Amino acid sequence: MWKKISPLKKRLYILVLVCLVPLVVMILYLMITINRFSDRYDAIVSRITMANTYNFNFKDDLDYIMYIIAANVERAEELVDTEQPHVMIDDARKMFQNLYEITDEEYAKNQLKRILKNLNTLEDRVEEIEADAFVSGTYDLNMERLDVNIRILTNLIQEQIQTYIYDQTRNLEVLRGDIRRDVNRAVQMVGIIFTVILAAAFFISRKIMVGITEPIRNLCEVTKVAGSGNFGVRVREESGDELVQLSVSFNQMVEQIGNLVEGIRVEQMNLKATELKLLQAQINPHFLYNTLDAIIWLAESGEKEQVVYMVSALSDFFRTTLSKGRDFVSVGDEEVHIKSYLKIQQFRYRDILEYEIRIPEELHEYQILKMTLQPLVENALYHGIKNKRRLGHILVEGKKEEDTLVLTVRDDGMGIKPEKLDYIKKVIAGDLQDYENPSGFGLFNVEQRVRLNYGAQYGLRINSVYGEWTEVEIILPAVKK
């Protein structure tokens, strides 16, 4: 893929890559760094927030509840039944266990282990006080347990929580230092990258600019010389990009300009031939759709013989139309072609169409242009017989007169009005380029093809009497296959 790209485009792509790739790398580095620090900061703040939840309230609340259990028998029963001290300790244990799982630092994990261990010990001491809370004579013992066991443990847990929070706060200071260090590193990297980008962009852009402007300047100078009539001048071919291709093309143009006048005339003739072949290939097979609909209707009605008849006629029609890509066919093949076409159309217009083909068998071996008669027969049907709206006849005849063939298509349809007949004759002669005229398009196509292939002395002759008949003659050289 890279080999197919032109040198100039390669230079431009390299310039873009030199500018964009370092910038993209720099942006990705900054994004990754910011995201990494943001994640660390969020994790530390989250841990501090969770620890602070139990830093201030846990000791006072639990000490107060345990004091009530130890001193007030009436309220102690309610607190013991609801297991309120155990609920508080269990909530604290779950929270610090969660902190243990999300903490990475080893020293912080050890601190959390100690907190969890002390919570388990605290729960055991709470159970001892609860067990003797309803036993008479144990008030002094429970109060002693409250001071020695409970308050000391809650105070120890609070200190451990504060130590954990302090350690996490120190992590924020470490994080700040890391951020400052990476920011300094990023600033240095950005400066280096921008310096490299500017230097590379200046070097490459200057090389590209010189590689473009110099050949263009030389080409302009040579063009001025060639414009003055000196076609012996040439452009220097110094580089390998698009501009050298332009120089080569210019040199070839200057070298061949003496032959262009004759070449233009030849090219116009070839272009005309190509256009006519395209026109031939675009002959509208509108009747095909109706034919297929008729075949479907016959098949659905069980008319097998009629289906075979129609399909056979359609096959003969397109076999001659294709004719293995040949432009010339025999008169016999052309007769089969128009006969199959008329068979198909007679099925559709059996109430108004009759036809007869009188081409002598000795003419069958002569060669004519493919699709010569069919457009004329089609015109006779659609612009003659159909407009008459009653039974009409189409007669196709052929004869040989010395060295020419004369093929005639005659119908007794509506004919053509004199002014329209003159108009169609002008279209056929090429005096008017009226390709939108439906009755003149097919005739013009046949006329131009005949003239192009055989010469201006051959072509069509058309005559008509409005309301009575129309006759089209094709004059062709008598050439055998």
Protein backbone atom coordinates (compact mmCIF):
# COMPACT_ATOMS: atom_id res chain seq x y z
CA MET A 1 0.00 0.00 0.00
CA TRP A 2 2.82 2.42 0.92
CA LYS A 3 4.58 1.71 -2.39
CA LYS A 4 1.51 2.87 -4.32
CA ILE A 5 1.50 6.30 -2.63
CA SER A 6 3.16 9.05 -4.62
CA PRO A 7 6.42 10.56 -3.31
CA LEU A 8 4.86 13.96 -2.65
CA LYS A 9 2.09 12.41 -0.61
CA LYS A 10 4.66 10.38 1.28
CA ARG A 11 6.48 13.58 2.23
CA LEU A 12 3.26 15.19 3.42
CA TYR A 13 2.33 12.09 5.40
CA ILE A 14 5.77 12.07 7.01
CA LEU A 15 5.37 15.74 7.93
CA VAL A 16 1.99 15.03 9.50
CA LEU A 17 3.34 12.01 11.36
CA VAL A 18 6.35 13.93 12.64
CA CYS A 19 4.02 16.56 14.08
CA LEU A 20 1.17 14.37 15.28
CA VAL A 21 2.83 11.25 16.67
CA PRO A 22 4.92 13.03 19.33
CA LEU A 23 1.94 15.16 20.30
CA VAL A 24 -0.27 12.10 20.61
CA VAL A 25 2.38 10.34 22.70
CA MET A 26 2.73 13.37 24.93
CA ILE A 27 -1.03 13.72 25.40
CA LEU A 28 -1.41 10.01 26.16
CA TYR A 29 1.42 10.21 28.71
CA LEU A 30 -0.18 13.21 30.44
CA MET A 31 -3.61 11.55 30.43
CA ILE A 32 -2.22 8.32 31.91
CA THR A 33 -0.26 10.24 34.53
CA ILE A 34 -3.22 12.39 35.56
CA ASN A 35 -5.50 9.37 35.68
CA ARG A 36 -3.00 7.41 37.78
CA PHE A 37 -2.58 10.23 40.30
CA SER A 38 -6.32 10.82 40.36
CA ASP A 39 -6.95 7.17 41.19
CA ARG A 40 -4.35 7.23 43.98
CA TYR A 41 -5.74 10.47 45.39
CA ASP A 42 -9.33 9.19 45.31
CA ALA A 43 -8.31 5.95 47.03
CA ILE A 44 -6.47 7.75 49.85
CA VAL A 45 -9.29 10.26 50.44
CA SER A 46 -11.84 7.44 50.41
CA ARG A 47 -9.88 5.48 53.04
CA ILE A 48 -9.43 8.57 55.24
CA THR A 49 -13.15 9.36 55.00
CA MET A 50 -14.12 5.81 55.96
CA ALA A 51 -11.72 5.79 58.92
CA ASN A 52 -12.93 9.19 60.12
CA THR A 53 -16.44 7.77 60.39
CA TYR A 54 -15.32 5.81 63.45
CA ASN A 55 -12.62 8.14 64.71
CA PHE A 56 -14.73 10.43 66.89
CA ASN A 57 -18.08 8.75 67.61
CA PHE A 58 -17.24 5.10 68.10
CA LYS A 59 -15.44 5.42 71.48
CA ASP A 60 -17.91 7.82 73.09
CA ASP A 61 -20.99 5.95 71.86
CA LEU A 62 -19.77 2.52 72.89
CA ASP A 63 -18.47 3.75 76.28
CA TYR A 64 -21.81 5.36 77.01
CA ILE A 65 -23.83 2.28 76.02
CA MET A 66 -21.62 0.00 78.12
CA TYR A 67 -21.92 2.36 81.08
CA ILE A 68 -25.70 2.12 80.90
CA ILE A 69 -25.53 -1.68 80.73
CA ALA A 70 -23.21 -1.81 83.75
CA ALA A 71 -25.03 0.80 85.89
CA ASN A 72 -28.73 0.72 84.96
CA VAL A 73 -30.43 -2.66 85.13
CA GLU A 74 -33.69 -1.40 83.64
CA ARG A 75 -32.16 0.08 80.48
CA ALA A 76 -29.47 -2.60 80.27
CA GLU A 77 -32.09 -5.24 79.49
CA GLU A 78 -33.28 -3.26 76.47
CA LEU A 79 -29.75 -2.68 75.12
CA VAL A 80 -28.71 -6.30 75.63
CA ASP A 81 -31.82 -7.63 73.92
CA THR A 82 -31.22 -5.45 70.84
CA GLU A 83 -27.50 -6.39 70.82
CA GLN A 84 -26.68 -2.76 70.19
CA PRO A 85 -23.00 -2.97 71.32
CA HIS A 86 -22.44 -6.01 69.11
CA VAL A 87 -24.06 -4.24 66.13
CA MET A 88 -21.71 -1.27 66.55
CA ILE A 89 -18.65 -3.50 66.85
CA ASP A 90 -19.73 -5.65 63.90
CA ASP A 91 -20.27 -2.57 61.68
CA ALA A 92 -16.84 -1.28 62.66
CA ARG A 93 -15.28 -4.68 61.98
CA LYS A 94 -16.83 -4.84 58.45
CA MET A 95 -15.68 -1.33 57.63
CA PHE A 96 -12.08 -1.91 58.77
CA GLN A 97 -12.03 -5.31 57.02
CA ASN A 98 -13.03 -3.53 53.82
CA LEU A 99 -10.26 -0.99 54.39
CA TYR A 100 -7.81 -3.86 54.87
CA GLU A 101 -8.78 -5.36 51.51
CA ILE A 102 -8.40 -2.10 49.56
CA THR A 103 -5.20 -0.94 51.27
CA ASP A 104 -1.91 -1.63 49.50
CA GLU A 105 0.72 -0.38 51.99
CA GLU A 106 2.04 -3.11 54.28
CA TYR A 107 2.37 -0.87 57.34
CA ALA A 108 -1.23 0.29 56.95
CA LYS A 109 -2.40 -3.31 56.68
CA ASN A 110 -0.61 -4.15 59.95
CA GLN A 111 -2.31 -1.21 61.65
CA LEU A 112 -5.70 -2.44 60.43
CA LYS A 113 -4.94 -5.95 61.61
CA ARG A 114 -4.35 -4.58 65.11
CA ILE A 115 -7.62 -2.63 65.00
CA LEU A 116 -9.54 -5.75 63.94
CA LYS A 117 -7.88 -7.80 66.68
CA ASN A 118 -8.75 -5.20 69.32
CA LEU A 119 -12.35 -5.10 68.09
CA ASN A 120 -12.59 -8.87 68.64
CA THR A 121 -11.14 -8.46 72.15
CA LEU A 122 -13.55 -5.59 72.81
CA GLU A 123 -16.47 -7.77 71.86
CA ASP A 124 -15.36 -10.44 74.33
CA ARG A 125 -15.18 -7.85 77.13
CA VAL A 126 -18.62 -6.55 76.23
CA GLU A 127 -20.02 -10.05 76.54
CA GLU A 128 -18.50 -10.39 80.03
CA ILE A 129 -20.21 -7.23 81.24
CA GLU A 130 -23.51 -8.22 79.62
CA ALA A 131 -23.34 -11.63 81.33
CA ASP A 132 -23.09 -10.07 84.82
CA ALA A 133 -25.30 -7.04 84.17
CA PHE A 134 -28.37 -8.73 85.71
CA VAL A 135 -26.54 -10.45 88.55
CA SER A 136 -26.91 -8.68 91.86
CA GLY A 137 -23.76 -7.64 93.64
CA THR A 138 -21.68 -7.29 90.45
CA TYR A 139 -22.09 -3.52 89.99
CA ASP A 140 -18.61 -2.68 91.35
CA LEU A 141 -17.05 -5.45 89.26
CA ASN A 142 -18.77 -4.28 86.09
CA MET A 143 -17.76 -0.68 86.69
CA GLU A 144 -14.19 -1.83 87.14
CA ARG A 145 -14.42 -3.85 83.92
CA LEU A 146 -15.86 -0.79 82.19
CA ASP A 147 -12.85 1.32 83.19
CA VAL A 148 -10.13 -1.30 82.78
CA ASN A 149 -11.35 -3.25 79.76
CA ILE A 150 -13.87 -1.28 77.73
CA ARG A 151 -12.61 2.31 77.97
CA ILE A 152 -8.98 1.31 77.63
CA LEU A 153 -9.74 -0.79 74.53
CA THR A 154 -11.91 1.87 72.88
CA ASN A 155 -9.25 4.46 73.61
CA LEU A 156 -6.61 2.15 72.09
CA ILE A 157 -8.76 1.56 69.01
CA GLN A 158 -9.31 5.30 68.63
CA GLU A 159 -5.58 5.93 68.81
CA GLN A 160 -4.93 3.22 66.23
CA ILE A 161 -7.54 4.75 63.92
CA GLN A 162 -5.91 8.15 64.32
CA THR A 163 -2.53 6.60 63.55
CA TYR A 164 -3.98 5.01 60.39
CA ILE A 165 -5.50 8.34 59.31
CA TYR A 166 -2.19 10.07 59.96
CA ASP A 167 -0.36 7.54 57.84
CA GLN A 168 -2.84 7.98 55.01
CA THR A 169 -2.46 11.76 55.28
CA ARG A 170 1.30 11.33 54.92
CA ASN A 171 0.56 9.39 51.72
CA LEU A 172 -1.11 12.52 50.35
CA GLU A 173 2.13 14.43 50.92
CA VAL A 174 4.06 11.68 49.14
CA LEU A 175 1.54 11.82 46.32
CA ARG A 176 1.99 15.59 46.07
CA GLY A 177 5.73 15.10 45.73
CA ASP A 178 5.22 12.49 43.03
CA ILE A 179 2.91 14.84 41.17
CA ARG A 180 5.45 17.66 41.36
CA ARG A 181 8.21 15.37 40.11
CA ASP A 182 6.11 14.08 37.20
CA VAL A 183 4.96 17.59 36.31
CA ASN A 184 8.58 18.72 36.07
CA ARG A 185 9.37 15.66 33.98
CA ALA A 186 6.35 16.34 31.74
CA VAL A 187 7.40 19.98 31.26
CA GLN A 188 10.87 18.86 30.22
CA MET A 189 9.46 16.24 27.87
CA VAL A 190 7.01 18.74 26.32
CA GLY A 191 9.85 21.18 25.72
CA ILE A 192 12.00 18.52 24.08
CA ILE A 193 9.11 17.23 21.96
CA PHE A 194 8.15 20.70 20.76
CA THR A 195 11.77 21.46 19.89
CA VAL A 196 12.04 18.22 17.90
CA ILE A 197 8.70 18.84 16.19
CA LEU A 198 9.61 22.39 15.20
CA ALA A 199 13.02 21.35 13.88
CA ALA A 200 11.68 18.35 11.95
CA ALA A 201 8.68 20.27 10.60
CA PHE A 202 10.91 23.13 9.43
CA PHE A 203 13.34 20.77 7.72
CA ILE A 204 10.70 18.63 6.02
CA SER A 205 8.42 21.54 5.02
CA ARG A 206 11.38 23.43 3.53
CA LYS A 207 12.38 20.36 1.55
CA ILE A 208 8.81 19.86 0.34
CA MET A 209 8.47 23.56 -0.56
CA VAL A 210 11.70 23.59 -2.55
CA GLY A 211 10.76 20.30 -4.23
CA ILE A 212 7.49 21.85 -5.38
CA THR A 213 8.34 25.46 -6.20
CA GLU A 214 11.53 24.84 -8.18
CA PRO A 215 10.02 22.37 -10.69
CA ILE A 216 6.96 24.61 -11.04
CA ARG A 217 9.16 27.64 -11.74
CA ASN A 218 11.08 25.68 -14.38
CA LEU A 219 7.85 24.43 -15.89
CA CYS A 220 6.49 28.00 -16.09
CA GLU A 221 9.60 29.18 -17.91
CA VAL A 222 9.46 26.32 -20.39
CA THR A 223 5.72 26.86 -20.90
CA LYS A 224 6.38 30.48 -21.88
CA VAL A 225 8.95 29.32 -24.43
CA ALA A 226 6.59 26.67 -25.81
CA GLY A 227 3.80 29.25 -25.95
CA SER A 228 5.94 31.38 -28.24
CA GLY A 229 6.05 28.53 -30.75
CA ASN A 230 9.27 26.74 -29.86
CA PHE A 231 8.12 23.14 -29.35
CA GLY A 232 11.66 21.77 -29.17
CA VAL A 233 12.05 22.93 -25.58
CA ARG A 234 11.96 20.35 -22.76
CA VAL A 235 11.55 20.41 -19.00
CA ARG A 236 14.31 18.93 -16.82
CA GLU A 237 13.18 15.77 -15.05
CA GLU A 238 14.97 16.00 -11.72
CA SER A 239 12.71 14.43 -9.08
CA GLY A 240 10.51 11.38 -8.77
CA ASP A 241 7.19 12.74 -7.55
CA GLU A 242 4.04 14.00 -9.23
CA LEU A 243 5.87 17.01 -10.63
CA VAL A 244 8.20 14.82 -12.69
CA GLN A 245 5.12 13.10 -14.05
CA LEU A 246 3.80 16.53 -14.98
CA SER A 247 7.13 17.32 -16.65
CA VAL A 248 7.10 14.06 -18.59
CA SER A 249 3.52 14.71 -19.70
CA PHE A 250 4.42 18.23 -20.76
CA ASN A 251 7.40 17.00 -22.76
CA GLN A 252 5.24 14.38 -24.45
CA MET A 253 2.62 17.00 -25.21
CA VAL A 254 5.17 19.34 -26.79
CA GLU A 255 6.67 16.48 -28.78
CA GLN A 256 3.33 15.34 -30.17
CA ILE A 257 1.60 18.68 -30.64
CA GLY A 258 2.41 18.71 -34.36
CA ASN A 259 0.28 15.60 -34.86
CA LEU A 260 -2.66 16.72 -32.73
CA VAL A 261 -4.70 18.38 -35.48
CA GLU A 262 -5.02 15.18 -37.46
CA GLY A 263 -5.29 13.18 -34.26
CA ILE A 264 -8.22 15.29 -33.07
CA ARG A 265 -10.11 14.55 -36.27
CA VAL A 266 -9.45 10.81 -35.90
CA GLU A 267 -10.42 10.91 -32.25
CA GLN A 268 -13.68 12.65 -33.12
CA MET A 269 -14.50 9.89 -35.58
CA ASN A 270 -13.66 7.24 -32.97
CA LEU A 271 -15.70 9.09 -30.39
CA LYS A 272 -18.61 9.21 -32.78
CA ALA A 273 -18.30 5.48 -33.37
CA THR A 274 -18.22 4.85 -29.64
CA GLU A 275 -21.27 7.01 -29.06
CA LEU A 276 -23.14 5.19 -31.77
CA LYS A 277 -22.21 1.81 -30.32
CA LEU A 278 -23.50 3.01 -26.97
CA LEU A 279 -26.69 4.18 -28.61
CA GLN A 280 -27.03 0.79 -30.21
CA ALA A 281 -26.52 -0.96 -26.88
CA GLN A 282 -29.13 1.30 -25.28
CA ILE A 283 -31.95 0.39 -27.65
CA ASN A 284 -34.88 0.23 -25.26
CA PRO A 285 -36.19 -3.35 -24.80
CA HIS A 286 -39.44 -2.07 -23.36
CA PHE A 287 -41.38 -4.82 -25.04
CA LEU A 288 -39.40 -7.40 -23.01
CA TYR A 289 -41.28 -6.63 -19.82
CA ASN A 290 -44.65 -6.98 -21.54
CA THR A 291 -43.45 -10.20 -23.19
CA LEU A 292 -42.45 -11.72 -19.87
CA ASP A 293 -45.78 -10.66 -18.36
CA ALA A 294 -47.56 -12.34 -21.26
CA ILE A 295 -45.54 -15.55 -20.78
CA ILE A 296 -46.40 -15.56 -17.08
CA TRP A 297 -50.08 -15.05 -17.92
CA LEU A 298 -50.01 -17.91 -20.44
CA ALA A 299 -48.25 -20.20 -17.96
CA GLU A 300 -50.81 -19.44 -15.27
CA SER A 301 -53.59 -20.14 -17.79
CA GLY A 302 -52.08 -23.51 -18.73
CA GLU A 303 -51.34 -22.46 -22.33
CA LYS A 304 -48.18 -24.57 -22.62
CA GLU A 305 -47.94 -24.45 -26.41
CA GLN A 306 -48.28 -20.68 -26.40
CA VAL A 307 -45.62 -20.43 -23.67
CA VAL A 308 -43.23 -22.53 -25.79
CA TYR A 309 -44.06 -20.39 -28.83
CA MET A 310 -43.38 -17.11 -26.98
CA VAL A 311 -40.22 -18.32 -25.22
CA SER A 312 -38.85 -19.70 -28.50
CA ALA A 313 -39.50 -16.38 -30.26
CA LEU A 314 -37.93 -14.43 -27.41
CA SER A 315 -34.89 -16.74 -27.46
CA ASP A 316 -34.43 -16.26 -31.23
CA PHE A 317 -34.76 -12.50 -30.78
CA PHE A 318 -32.03 -12.20 -28.16
CA ARG A 319 -29.79 -14.77 -29.81
CA THR A 320 -29.53 -12.47 -32.83
CA THR A 321 -29.33 -9.38 -30.60
CA LEU A 322 -26.28 -10.78 -28.85
CA SER A 323 -24.79 -12.66 -31.83
CA LYS A 324 -21.66 -13.46 -29.82
CA GLY A 325 -20.66 -9.80 -29.73
CA ARG A 326 -20.41 -9.45 -33.54
CA ASP A 327 -21.41 -6.17 -35.19
CA PHE A 328 -22.35 -7.80 -38.51
CA VAL A 329 -24.79 -10.63 -39.17
CA SER A 330 -26.26 -12.26 -42.24
CA VAL A 331 -29.49 -11.04 -43.79
CA GLY A 332 -30.96 -14.41 -42.87
CA ASP A 333 -30.11 -13.88 -39.20
CA GLU A 334 -31.57 -10.38 -39.32
CA GLU A 335 -34.75 -11.82 -40.84
CA VAL A 336 -34.99 -14.33 -37.99
CA HIS A 337 -34.50 -11.45 -35.59
CA ILE A 338 -37.33 -9.29 -36.89
CA LYS A 339 -39.57 -12.33 -37.39
CA SER A 340 -39.17 -13.33 -33.73
CA TYR A 341 -39.81 -9.71 -32.72
CA LEU A 342 -43.00 -9.56 -34.81
CA LYS A 343 -44.17 -12.93 -33.45
CA ILE A 344 -43.94 -11.58 -29.95
CA GLN A 345 -45.62 -8.30 -30.81
CA GLN A 346 -48.36 -10.01 -32.81
CA PHE A 347 -49.35 -11.92 -29.69
CA ARG A 348 -49.87 -8.59 -27.91
CA TYR A 349 -51.45 -6.79 -30.86
CA ARG A 350 -53.13 -9.71 -32.63
CA ASP A 351 -56.28 -7.65 -33.25
CA ILE A 352 -54.46 -4.87 -35.11
CA LEU A 353 -51.22 -6.39 -36.45
CA GLU A 354 -50.46 -8.55 -39.45
CA TYR A 355 -47.06 -8.81 -41.08
CA GLU A 356 -45.30 -10.31 -44.06
CA ILE A 357 -41.58 -10.76 -44.79
CA ARG A 358 -40.49 -11.05 -48.41
CA ILE A 359 -36.75 -11.33 -48.46
CA PRO A 360 -35.47 -13.70 -51.17
CA GLU A 361 -33.44 -16.60 -49.90
CA GLU A 362 -30.53 -15.69 -52.15
CA LEU A 363 -30.04 -12.53 -50.10
CA HIS A 364 -29.63 -14.45 -46.84
CA GLU A 365 -25.90 -14.91 -47.33
CA TYR A 366 -25.20 -11.19 -47.57
CA GLN A 367 -23.81 -9.35 -44.59
CA ILE A 368 -25.44 -6.35 -42.89
CA LEU A 369 -25.14 -4.46 -39.63
CA LYS A 370 -26.82 -6.14 -36.70
CA MET A 371 -30.01 -4.45 -35.47
CA THR A 372 -30.63 -2.68 -38.76
CA LEU A 373 -34.22 -3.69 -39.48
CA GLN A 374 -35.58 -4.11 -35.94
CA PRO A 375 -35.67 -0.36 -35.07
CA LEU A 376 -37.52 0.31 -38.33
CA VAL A 377 -40.05 -2.45 -37.67
CA GLU A 378 -40.52 -1.13 -34.15
CA ASN A 379 -41.16 2.39 -35.48
CA ALA A 380 -43.67 1.02 -37.96
CA LEU A 381 -45.56 -0.74 -35.18
CA TYR A 382 -45.52 1.93 -32.47
CA HIS A 383 -45.83 5.06 -34.62
CA GLY A 384 -47.81 3.66 -37.49
CA ILE A 385 -50.03 0.67 -36.71
CA LYS A 386 -50.83 1.52 -33.08
CA ASN A 387 -51.84 5.08 -33.93
CA LYS A 388 -54.18 3.78 -36.64
CA ARG A 389 -56.19 1.85 -34.01
CA ARG A 390 -57.43 -0.76 -36.48
CA LEU A 391 -55.98 -3.70 -38.39
CA GLY A 392 -52.70 -2.77 -40.01
CA HIS A 393 -50.00 -4.52 -42.02
CA ILE A 394 -46.24 -4.41 -41.92
CA LEU A 395 -44.35 -5.56 -45.00
CA VAL A 396 -40.59 -6.19 -44.98
CA GLU A 397 -39.01 -6.66 -48.42
CA GLY A 398 -35.49 -7.09 -49.76
CA LYS A 399 -33.92 -6.90 -53.17
CA LYS A 400 -30.54 -6.54 -54.82
CA GLU A 401 -29.87 -3.72 -57.27
CA GLU A 402 -26.46 -4.10 -58.90
CA ASP A 403 -23.96 -3.75 -56.03
CA THR A 404 -26.44 -2.61 -53.39
CA LEU A 405 -29.04 -4.17 -51.16
CA VAL A 406 -32.35 -2.38 -50.69
CA LEU A 407 -34.32 -3.42 -47.63
CA THR A 408 -37.76 -1.88 -47.20
CA VAL A 409 -40.09 -1.66 -44.20
CA ARG A 410 -43.58 -0.48 -45.15
CA ASP A 411 -46.72 -0.09 -43.04
CA ASP A 412 -50.24 1.07 -43.80
CA GLY A 413 -50.64 2.91 -40.53
CA MET A 414 -51.29 6.57 -39.80
CA GLY A 415 -48.35 7.87 -41.77
CA ILE A 416 -46.51 11.08 -40.94
CA LYS A 417 -47.61 14.68 -41.36
CA PRO A 418 -45.55 16.58 -43.94
CA GLU A 419 -44.02 19.04 -41.46
CA LYS A 420 -43.09 16.25 -39.08
CA LEU A 421 -41.69 14.20 -41.96
CA ASP A 422 -39.42 17.10 -42.91
CA TYR A 423 -38.37 17.43 -39.28
CA ILE A 424 -37.52 13.69 -39.04
CA LYS A 425 -35.52 13.84 -42.28
CA LYS A 426 -33.44 16.67 -40.81
CA VAL A 427 -32.85 14.65 -37.66
CA ILE A 428 -31.79 11.61 -39.70
CA ALA A 429 -29.47 13.74 -41.81
CA GLY A 430 -27.84 15.09 -38.66
CA ASP A 431 -28.97 18.67 -39.20
CA LEU A 432 -30.85 18.53 -35.86
CA GLN A 433 -29.61 16.74 -32.74
CA ASP A 434 -33.05 15.81 -31.42
CA TYR A 435 -32.44 12.61 -29.50
CA GLU A 436 -35.62 13.09 -27.49
CA ASN A 437 -37.86 12.62 -30.53
CA PRO A 438 -39.18 9.05 -30.08
CA SER A 439 -39.93 8.48 -33.75
CA GLY A 440 -36.65 9.91 -35.00
CA PHE A 441 -34.24 8.40 -32.49
CA GLY A 442 -34.22 4.83 -33.89
CA LEU A 443 -34.03 6.07 -37.49
CA PHE A 444 -31.17 8.43 -36.64
CA ASN A 445 -29.30 5.62 -34.91
CA VAL A 446 -29.61 3.29 -37.92
CA GLU A 447 -28.68 6.08 -40.37
CA GLN A 448 -25.53 7.05 -38.46
CA ARG A 449 -24.39 3.46 -38.02
CA VAL A 450 -24.85 2.76 -41.72
CA ARG A 451 -22.97 5.89 -42.76
CA LEU A 452 -20.18 5.30 -40.30
CA ASN A 453 -19.59 1.72 -41.43
CA TYR A 454 -20.32 1.98 -45.16
CA GLY A 455 -19.97 5.62 -46.13
CA ALA A 456 -22.13 8.69 -46.73
CA GLN A 457 -23.59 7.28 -49.98
CA TYR A 458 -25.53 4.67 -48.00
CA GLY A 459 -28.31 5.17 -45.51
CA LEU A 460 -32.07 5.64 -45.21
CA ARG A 461 -34.79 7.02 -47.43
CA ILE A 462 -38.14 7.73 -45.82
CA ASN A 463 -41.45 8.58 -47.45
CA SER A 464 -44.95 8.80 -46.06
CA VAL A 465 -48.49 9.88 -46.80
CA TYR A 466 -50.32 11.01 -43.72
CA GLY A 467 -53.26 8.75 -42.95
CA GLU A 468 -52.22 6.09 -45.45
CA TRP A 469 -48.70 4.65 -45.28
CA THR A 470 -45.02 5.03 -44.38
CA GLU A 471 -42.06 3.46 -46.15
CA VAL A 472 -38.42 3.35 -45.05
CA GLU A 473 -35.70 2.06 -47.36
CA ILE A 474 -32.21 1.05 -46.28
CA ILE A 475 -29.52 1.24 -48.94
CA LEU A 476 -26.51 -0.99 -48.16
CA PRO A 477 -23.55 -2.38 -50.11
CA ALA A 478 -24.00 -5.97 -51.23
CA VAL A 479 -21.26 -7.74 -49.31
CA LYS A 480 -21.26 -11.47 -48.74
CA LYS A 481 -20.08 -13.07 -45.53
